[in-house]
Amino acid sequence: MARMTRSLSVSLLAFAVATALTTEGRAQVADRTQEPWRQYEGLTALEIPFANGPISMEHVPQVWLKLNGAAPRWFGMDTGSTGIVTSAEHFRPGPGDVAQGPGRLVYNSSGRILNGEHYLTDVVIQRDAHTPLATARVQVLRVTHITCLEHARDCRPEQNPRNVGFMGVGFDRDSAQGTAVSAPKNPFVNLRSLASGQPVSRVRPGYVITRNAVHLGMTPDLTRHMAFVKLTPKTHPPGVPDWNGAPMTIAVDGRPGRGTMLMDTGIDYMFLSPPDGTGLRRGHVAPEGTRIEVYLPDRQRPQPAYYNLTVGRRGNPLHPAKVEVVKDAGIFVNTGRMFLQGFDYLYDAAGGYVGYSWNGRVSHEYGGVTPGVSAAR
């Protein structure tokens, strides 16, 4: 009997331990599901202050890069495109670079088409003019000439242009910019080494953009107060992951519609393809008094993230330079960079999330965030 009792006690203890471990495991999964910032525990992020100061209406934020054969220089950081474009004086191909044939990149906002030759090369990402942080290996377009779309907003044809330096770090942009998903292009999500000597796995592919800086990678401190939105996967070649655009619901003068949203640091204005029935004239700017409400990822209770503006009421820091109503099909909004006056913005390329946190600089009259995780319904 004593042996039986001892055996039963051992079995019960083993069952209790297994149950506790299972329960703990489930709790950890639940925590990571409801609090996705926990997946960044133990990771690090690299802070890069913008070379030309905080986000403003007047300029595209700039980051220092070094390409082969040239000194470090600032590049405009653009979340509305994907890929680096540079003029010849800022990149001279050398040993280890791989020629990949002719290419082009279309900027729909301006109507400019940058044409040139593609190279696979190493790109050093720097904190400033003197301090390297990480090295990425990506495809770069060495620009030989500029042409223009038929109805370009701001374009002048040019041969052998100089002072071209733009870095696109957005996602879901290939169809819009006329490029093929064939090679890694975004340096922020294709790091190969860290200047610190730490394993590159310490920096998760993705970034957090604030009003003053971009942080490569994510940490709990940067993301704890974010409203995460799960993205849907997009077909892509092996090793070149991509995600579909961020979902949103927009209401224009009370007329709602579902579509996608692009947070674009490359422009100071908003362009909008509105729902039917708004009365807005496509190809014109929205008139003063137009009320625009953006819900991310759609209208929910509690609301994960949202903001609003009334055209012409410029006391709202989120107000863009103008709101241009475009002729494109579908419902979408390009917020422009003034979005970052009120929000911090996350893109997790590994997990397939965008995230929004309210930075506290703007009155809740104009927007807000409820931390957590959601998806478009």
Protein backbone atom coordinates (compact mmCIF):
# COMPACT_ATOMS: atom_id res chain seq x y z
CA MET A 1 0.00 0.00 0.00
CA ALA A 2 2.83 2.39 0.84
CA ARG A 3 4.35 1.80 -2.59
CA MET A 4 1.00 2.40 -4.26
CA THR A 5 0.50 5.63 -2.30
CA ARG A 6 4.00 6.83 -3.17
CA SER A 7 3.46 5.99 -6.86
CA LEU A 8 0.13 7.82 -6.86
CA SER A 9 1.72 10.86 -5.21
CA VAL A 10 4.50 10.95 -7.80
CA SER A 11 1.97 10.64 -10.64
CA LEU A 12 -0.18 13.43 -9.22
CA LEU A 13 2.89 15.65 -8.79
CA ALA A 14 3.98 14.99 -12.38
CA PHE A 15 0.47 15.76 -13.61
CA ALA A 16 0.37 19.00 -11.60
CA VAL A 17 3.74 20.11 -12.98
CA ALA A 18 2.73 19.30 -16.56
CA THR A 19 -0.58 21.13 -16.10
CA ALA A 20 1.20 24.17 -14.67
CA LEU A 21 3.69 24.24 -17.56
CA THR A 22 0.87 23.87 -20.09
CA THR A 23 -1.14 26.63 -18.42
CA GLU A 24 1.93 28.87 -18.29
CA GLY A 25 2.63 28.18 -21.96
CA ARG A 26 -0.95 29.03 -22.90
CA ALA A 27 -0.75 32.20 -20.83
CA GLN A 28 2.44 33.21 -22.62
CA VAL A 29 0.79 32.61 -26.00
CA ALA A 30 -2.24 34.62 -24.88
CA ASP A 31 0.02 37.42 -23.66
CA ARG A 32 1.81 37.55 -27.01
CA THR A 33 -1.54 37.50 -28.83
CA GLN A 34 -3.14 40.26 -26.76
CA GLU A 35 0.09 42.15 -26.04
CA PRO A 36 2.21 41.73 -29.18
CA TRP A 37 4.93 43.99 -27.81
CA ARG A 38 5.99 41.04 -25.64
CA GLN A 39 7.46 39.31 -28.72
CA TYR A 40 10.15 42.03 -28.70
CA GLU A 41 11.42 41.18 -25.21
CA GLY A 42 15.20 40.68 -25.24
CA LEU A 43 15.64 42.52 -28.53
CA THR A 44 17.33 45.84 -29.21
CA ALA A 45 16.68 48.82 -31.49
CA LEU A 46 19.05 51.27 -33.19
CA GLU A 47 18.03 54.93 -32.85
CA ILE A 48 18.79 57.22 -35.80
CA PRO A 49 17.87 60.89 -35.23
CA PHE A 50 16.80 62.60 -38.43
CA ALA A 51 19.75 64.48 -39.91
CA ASN A 52 17.64 67.55 -40.68
CA GLY A 53 15.61 67.75 -37.47
CA PRO A 54 12.06 66.78 -36.48
CA ILE A 55 9.27 66.00 -38.95
CA SER A 56 7.93 69.18 -40.49
CA MET A 57 5.95 70.45 -43.44
CA GLU A 58 9.12 71.89 -44.98
CA HIS A 59 11.30 68.83 -45.58
CA VAL A 60 11.50 65.07 -46.06
CA PRO A 61 13.27 63.43 -43.08
CA GLN A 62 16.86 62.48 -43.85
CA VAL A 63 19.13 59.62 -42.76
CA TRP A 64 22.87 59.16 -43.34
CA LEU A 65 23.95 56.31 -45.65
CA LYS A 66 27.27 55.27 -47.16
CA LEU A 67 27.44 53.52 -50.53
CA ASN A 68 30.50 52.09 -52.24
CA GLY A 69 32.97 54.53 -53.73
CA ALA A 70 31.52 57.64 -52.06
CA ALA A 71 31.54 59.50 -48.75
CA PRO A 72 28.54 59.23 -46.40
CA ARG A 73 25.65 61.53 -47.29
CA TRP A 74 22.07 62.07 -46.27
CA PHE A 75 19.26 60.32 -48.12
CA GLY A 76 15.59 61.30 -47.94
CA MET A 77 13.68 58.60 -46.01
CA ASP A 78 10.44 57.76 -47.81
CA THR A 79 7.80 55.32 -46.53
CA GLY A 80 5.82 55.85 -49.75
CA SER A 81 8.27 53.87 -51.91
CA THR A 82 10.62 50.90 -51.65
CA GLY A 83 14.26 50.97 -52.70
CA ILE A 84 17.29 53.25 -52.88
CA VAL A 85 17.83 55.55 -55.86
CA THR A 86 21.08 57.46 -56.23
CA SER A 87 22.94 59.50 -58.81
CA ALA A 88 26.31 58.32 -60.08
CA GLU A 89 28.46 60.52 -57.84
CA HIS A 90 27.07 58.87 -54.68
CA PHE A 91 27.65 55.25 -55.76
CA ARG A 92 30.52 53.79 -57.75
CA PRO A 93 30.17 50.01 -58.10
CA GLY A 94 33.17 48.01 -56.93
CA PRO A 95 34.25 44.47 -55.98
CA GLY A 96 31.39 42.50 -54.48
CA ASP A 97 28.69 44.52 -56.23
CA VAL A 98 26.50 42.59 -58.67
CA ALA A 99 25.07 44.24 -61.81
CA GLN A 100 21.40 43.23 -62.21
CA GLY A 101 20.36 45.01 -65.38
CA PRO A 102 18.25 48.06 -66.24
CA GLY A 103 15.46 49.26 -63.98
CA ARG A 104 13.22 52.16 -63.10
CA LEU A 105 11.16 53.51 -60.24
CA VAL A 106 8.00 55.61 -60.61
CA TYR A 107 7.04 58.24 -58.03
CA ASN A 108 3.29 58.66 -58.50
CA SER A 109 3.06 61.67 -56.21
CA SER A 110 5.32 63.75 -58.49
CA GLY A 111 5.10 61.83 -61.76
CA ARG A 112 8.88 61.37 -61.96
CA ILE A 113 10.33 58.16 -63.45
CA LEU A 114 13.92 57.42 -62.39
CA ASN A 115 15.71 55.17 -64.87
CA GLY A 116 19.09 53.48 -64.55
CA GLU A 117 20.97 50.29 -63.69
CA HIS A 118 20.33 47.95 -60.77
CA TYR A 119 23.15 46.72 -58.52
CA LEU A 120 23.12 44.43 -55.51
CA THR A 121 25.42 46.15 -53.01
CA ASP A 122 26.21 46.77 -49.35
CA VAL A 123 24.70 49.89 -47.77
CA VAL A 124 26.02 51.24 -44.47
CA ILE A 125 23.30 52.86 -42.34
CA GLN A 126 24.71 55.55 -40.04
CA ARG A 127 23.56 57.45 -36.98
CA ASP A 128 25.32 60.57 -38.26
CA ALA A 129 28.10 61.50 -40.68
CA HIS A 130 30.70 59.59 -38.66
CA THR A 131 28.98 56.70 -36.81
CA PRO A 132 28.03 53.49 -38.66
CA LEU A 133 25.30 51.37 -37.06
CA ALA A 134 24.51 48.53 -39.45
CA THR A 135 25.08 47.19 -42.96
CA ALA A 136 22.34 46.01 -45.29
CA ARG A 137 22.67 44.22 -48.61
CA VAL A 138 20.03 45.39 -51.09
CA GLN A 139 19.35 46.29 -54.68
CA VAL A 140 20.11 49.93 -55.55
CA LEU A 141 19.10 51.88 -58.67
CA ARG A 142 21.99 53.98 -60.04
CA VAL A 143 20.09 56.67 -61.95
CA THR A 144 21.15 57.65 -65.48
CA HIS A 145 18.14 59.73 -66.57
CA ILE A 146 14.75 61.02 -65.44
CA THR A 147 11.56 60.91 -67.51
CA CYS A 148 8.01 61.96 -66.65
CA LEU A 149 4.53 60.45 -66.56
CA GLU A 150 2.07 61.99 -69.01
CA HIS A 151 0.24 64.04 -66.39
CA ALA A 152 3.10 64.55 -63.95
CA ARG A 153 2.50 66.93 -61.04
CA ASP A 154 6.13 67.97 -60.62
CA CYS A 155 8.70 66.65 -63.10
CA ARG A 156 11.42 67.79 -65.49
CA PRO A 157 13.23 65.34 -67.82
CA GLU A 158 16.96 65.18 -67.15
CA GLN A 159 20.02 63.27 -68.38
CA ASN A 160 22.77 62.26 -65.93
CA PRO A 161 21.12 63.94 -62.93
CA ARG A 162 23.12 64.89 -59.86
CA ASN A 163 22.27 65.04 -56.15
CA VAL A 164 19.77 62.18 -56.30
CA GLY A 165 19.57 60.42 -52.95
CA PHE A 166 16.29 58.82 -51.84
CA MET A 167 15.68 55.73 -49.72
CA GLY A 168 12.29 54.03 -49.90
CA VAL A 169 11.47 51.93 -46.82
CA GLY A 170 7.75 51.32 -47.39
CA PHE A 171 5.91 48.07 -48.13
CA ASP A 172 3.29 47.01 -50.71
CA ARG A 173 4.68 49.59 -53.13
CA ASP A 174 5.89 47.60 -56.15
CA SER A 175 2.70 47.79 -58.22
CA ALA A 176 2.36 51.52 -57.52
CA GLN A 177 5.97 52.31 -58.41
CA GLY A 178 6.19 50.04 -61.44
CA THR A 179 8.81 47.65 -60.06
CA ALA A 180 8.99 43.86 -59.74
CA VAL A 181 9.35 42.02 -56.44
CA SER A 182 12.60 40.32 -57.44
CA ALA A 183 15.31 41.27 -54.93
CA PRO A 184 15.61 42.79 -51.44
CA LYS A 185 15.27 46.58 -51.75
CA ASN A 186 14.47 47.96 -48.30
CA PRO A 187 17.69 48.46 -46.28
CA PHE A 188 15.87 48.79 -42.96
CA VAL A 189 14.55 45.21 -43.12
CA ASN A 190 17.55 43.54 -44.77
CA LEU A 191 20.38 44.04 -42.27
CA ARG A 192 23.39 41.72 -42.60
CA SER A 193 25.62 42.92 -39.74
CA LEU A 194 25.74 45.39 -36.84
CA ALA A 195 28.66 47.75 -36.23
CA SER A 196 28.52 46.83 -32.52
CA GLY A 197 29.45 43.23 -33.33
CA GLN A 198 26.22 41.91 -31.79
CA PRO A 199 24.27 39.25 -33.72
CA VAL A 200 22.03 40.84 -36.32
CA SER A 201 19.20 38.69 -34.93
CA ARG A 202 19.03 41.13 -31.98
CA VAL A 203 17.36 43.65 -34.32
CA ARG A 204 13.98 42.47 -35.61
CA PRO A 205 13.32 43.39 -39.26
CA GLY A 206 11.21 46.53 -39.15
CA TYR A 207 11.19 49.97 -37.60
CA VAL A 208 9.44 52.53 -35.44
CA ILE A 209 9.24 56.10 -36.72
CA THR A 210 8.67 58.99 -34.35
CA ARG A 211 8.61 62.72 -34.93
CA ASN A 212 12.35 62.96 -34.23
CA ALA A 213 13.95 59.68 -35.28
CA VAL A 214 13.65 56.25 -36.81
CA HIS A 215 14.44 53.18 -34.69
CA LEU A 216 15.57 50.05 -36.54
CA GLY A 217 14.00 47.11 -34.76
CA MET A 218 11.43 47.02 -31.98
CA THR A 219 11.56 46.82 -28.18
CA PRO A 220 8.84 46.66 -25.51
CA ASP A 221 9.59 50.24 -24.44
CA LEU A 222 9.00 51.54 -27.98
CA THR A 223 5.84 49.52 -28.62
CA ARG A 224 4.04 48.90 -25.32
CA HIS A 225 1.43 51.62 -25.93
CA MET A 226 0.72 50.82 -29.57
CA ALA A 227 -2.43 49.74 -31.33
CA PHE A 228 -1.16 46.87 -33.50
CA VAL A 229 -2.98 45.98 -36.72
CA LYS A 230 -2.35 42.58 -38.35
CA LEU A 231 -1.58 42.74 -42.05
CA THR A 232 -2.47 40.09 -44.60
CA PRO A 233 0.39 38.31 -46.41
CA LYS A 234 1.23 39.05 -50.01
CA THR A 235 2.62 36.61 -52.58
CA HIS A 236 6.37 37.14 -52.82
CA PRO A 237 9.57 35.40 -53.93
CA PRO A 238 11.55 33.47 -51.29
CA GLY A 239 13.53 35.80 -49.05
CA VAL A 240 11.64 38.94 -50.08
CA PRO A 241 8.63 39.08 -47.70
CA ASP A 242 5.93 41.67 -48.23
CA TRP A 243 2.48 42.46 -46.86
CA ASN A 244 -0.69 44.01 -48.21
CA GLY A 245 -1.44 47.65 -47.43
CA ALA A 246 -2.73 48.77 -44.03
CA PRO A 247 -6.54 48.59 -43.80
CA MET A 248 -8.67 51.57 -42.81
CA THR A 249 -12.17 52.97 -42.89
CA ILE A 250 -12.54 56.60 -43.93
CA ALA A 251 -15.52 58.90 -43.62
CA VAL A 252 -15.65 62.05 -45.78
CA ASP A 253 -18.40 64.43 -44.71
CA GLY A 254 -20.07 61.43 -43.09
CA ARG A 255 -19.86 59.12 -46.14
CA PRO A 256 -17.91 56.00 -45.09
CA GLY A 257 -15.89 53.52 -47.10
CA ARG A 258 -13.27 50.82 -46.56
CA GLY A 259 -9.87 50.85 -48.20
CA THR A 260 -6.17 51.14 -47.42
CA MET A 261 -3.95 53.76 -45.82
CA LEU A 262 -0.36 54.74 -46.59
CA MET A 263 1.70 56.77 -44.11
CA ASP A 264 4.04 58.59 -46.49
CA THR A 265 7.00 60.58 -45.15
CA GLY A 266 7.88 61.63 -48.69
CA ILE A 267 5.11 64.26 -49.08
CA ASP A 268 3.69 67.08 -46.97
CA TYR A 269 0.12 66.84 -48.32
CA MET A 270 -2.63 64.20 -48.29
CA PHE A 271 -4.07 62.58 -51.34
CA LEU A 272 -7.36 60.83 -51.20
CA SER A 273 -9.52 58.55 -53.33
CA PRO A 274 -12.84 58.98 -51.51
CA PRO A 275 -15.95 56.83 -51.17
CA ASP A 276 -18.74 57.42 -53.65
CA GLY A 277 -21.27 60.12 -52.89
CA THR A 278 -19.00 62.64 -51.17
CA GLY A 279 -19.39 65.39 -53.76
CA LEU A 280 -15.62 65.89 -53.93
CA ARG A 281 -14.28 66.59 -57.43
CA ARG A 282 -11.55 64.20 -58.53
CA GLY A 283 -8.49 65.97 -59.85
CA HIS A 284 -9.07 68.96 -57.53
CA VAL A 285 -8.22 69.85 -53.96
CA ALA A 286 -10.81 69.25 -51.26
CA PRO A 287 -12.58 72.51 -50.34
CA GLU A 288 -12.37 74.13 -46.95
CA GLY A 289 -14.79 72.64 -44.46
CA THR A 290 -14.46 69.06 -45.75
CA ARG A 291 -14.51 66.74 -42.74
CA ILE A 292 -12.19 63.70 -42.93
CA GLU A 293 -12.18 60.91 -40.31
CA VAL A 294 -9.73 57.97 -40.53
CA TYR A 295 -10.31 54.80 -38.47
CA LEU A 296 -7.55 52.20 -38.17
CA PRO A 297 -8.06 49.40 -39.10
CA ASP A 298 -11.83 50.14 -39.26
CA ARG A 299 -14.58 51.36 -36.90
CA GLN A 300 -14.50 49.32 -33.70
CA ARG A 301 -15.26 49.68 -29.99
CA PRO A 302 -12.93 50.46 -28.39
CA GLN A 303 -11.35 52.22 -31.36
CA PRO A 304 -7.74 50.99 -31.93
CA ALA A 305 -6.57 54.20 -33.64
CA TYR A 306 -8.22 57.15 -35.33
CA TYR A 307 -7.78 60.78 -36.28
CA ASN A 308 -9.73 63.54 -37.93
CA LEU A 309 -9.26 66.85 -39.63
CA THR A 310 -11.37 69.56 -41.20
CA VAL A 311 -9.83 71.05 -44.32
CA GLY A 312 -8.78 74.66 -43.70
CA ARG A 313 -8.70 74.46 -39.88
CA ARG A 314 -4.94 74.61 -39.48
CA GLY A 315 -4.86 74.65 -35.71
CA ASN A 316 -4.76 70.86 -36.00
CA PRO A 317 -1.08 69.75 -36.18
CA LEU A 318 -2.14 66.71 -38.24
CA HIS A 319 -3.48 68.97 -41.00
CA PRO A 320 -1.52 68.44 -44.26
CA ALA A 321 -0.43 71.17 -46.67
CA LYS A 322 -3.50 70.33 -48.80
CA VAL A 323 -5.88 67.45 -49.53
CA GLU A 324 -5.74 66.43 -53.17
CA VAL A 325 -8.60 64.29 -54.52
CA VAL A 326 -7.17 61.84 -57.06
CA LYS A 327 -8.78 60.08 -60.01
CA ASP A 328 -7.57 56.59 -59.08
CA ALA A 329 -10.04 53.77 -58.56
CA GLY A 330 -10.66 52.29 -55.13
CA ILE A 331 -10.73 53.92 -51.71
CA PHE A 332 -7.46 54.94 -50.13
CA VAL A 333 -5.71 57.74 -48.33
CA ASN A 334 -2.06 58.78 -48.36
CA THR A 335 -1.74 60.69 -45.10
CA GLY A 336 1.54 62.47 -45.86
CA ARG A 337 4.12 62.95 -43.11
CA MET A 338 2.09 65.31 -40.89
CA PHE A 339 0.55 62.12 -39.47
CA LEU A 340 3.74 61.86 -37.39
CA GLN A 341 2.93 65.05 -35.52
CA GLY A 342 0.43 63.01 -33.52
CA PHE A 343 1.45 59.36 -33.94
CA ASP A 344 4.46 57.09 -33.70
CA TYR A 345 4.35 54.47 -36.45
CA LEU A 346 5.56 50.84 -36.50
CA TYR A 347 6.20 48.44 -39.35
CA ASP A 348 7.08 44.88 -38.31
CA ALA A 349 8.23 43.20 -41.52
CA ALA A 350 8.84 39.86 -39.80
CA GLY A 351 5.49 39.53 -38.04
CA GLY A 352 3.30 41.45 -40.47
CA TYR A 353 2.07 44.32 -38.31
CA VAL A 354 1.67 48.03 -38.46
CA GLY A 355 1.28 49.90 -35.20
CA TYR A 356 0.18 53.33 -34.04
CA SER A 357 0.79 55.08 -30.74
CA TRP A 358 -0.41 58.54 -29.70
CA ASN A 359 2.64 60.67 -28.92
CA GLY A 360 0.86 63.13 -26.61
CA ARG A 361 1.79 66.27 -28.58
CA VAL A 362 -1.69 66.72 -30.04
CA SER A 363 -5.06 67.20 -28.36
CA HIS A 364 -7.33 64.13 -28.16
CA GLU A 365 -9.85 66.32 -29.94
CA TYR A 366 -8.05 65.23 -33.11
CA GLY A 367 -7.41 61.53 -32.50
CA GLY A 368 -6.18 58.81 -30.18
CA VAL A 369 -5.15 55.19 -29.68
CA THR A 370 -6.31 52.21 -27.62
CA PRO A 371 -3.35 49.82 -27.16
CA GLY A 372 -3.84 46.19 -28.16
CA VAL A 373 -4.05 44.16 -31.36
CA SER A 374 -6.76 44.02 -34.00
CA ALA A 375 -7.44 43.24 -37.65
CA ALA A 376 -9.89 44.56 -40.20
CA ARG A 377 -13.23 42.77 -39.87
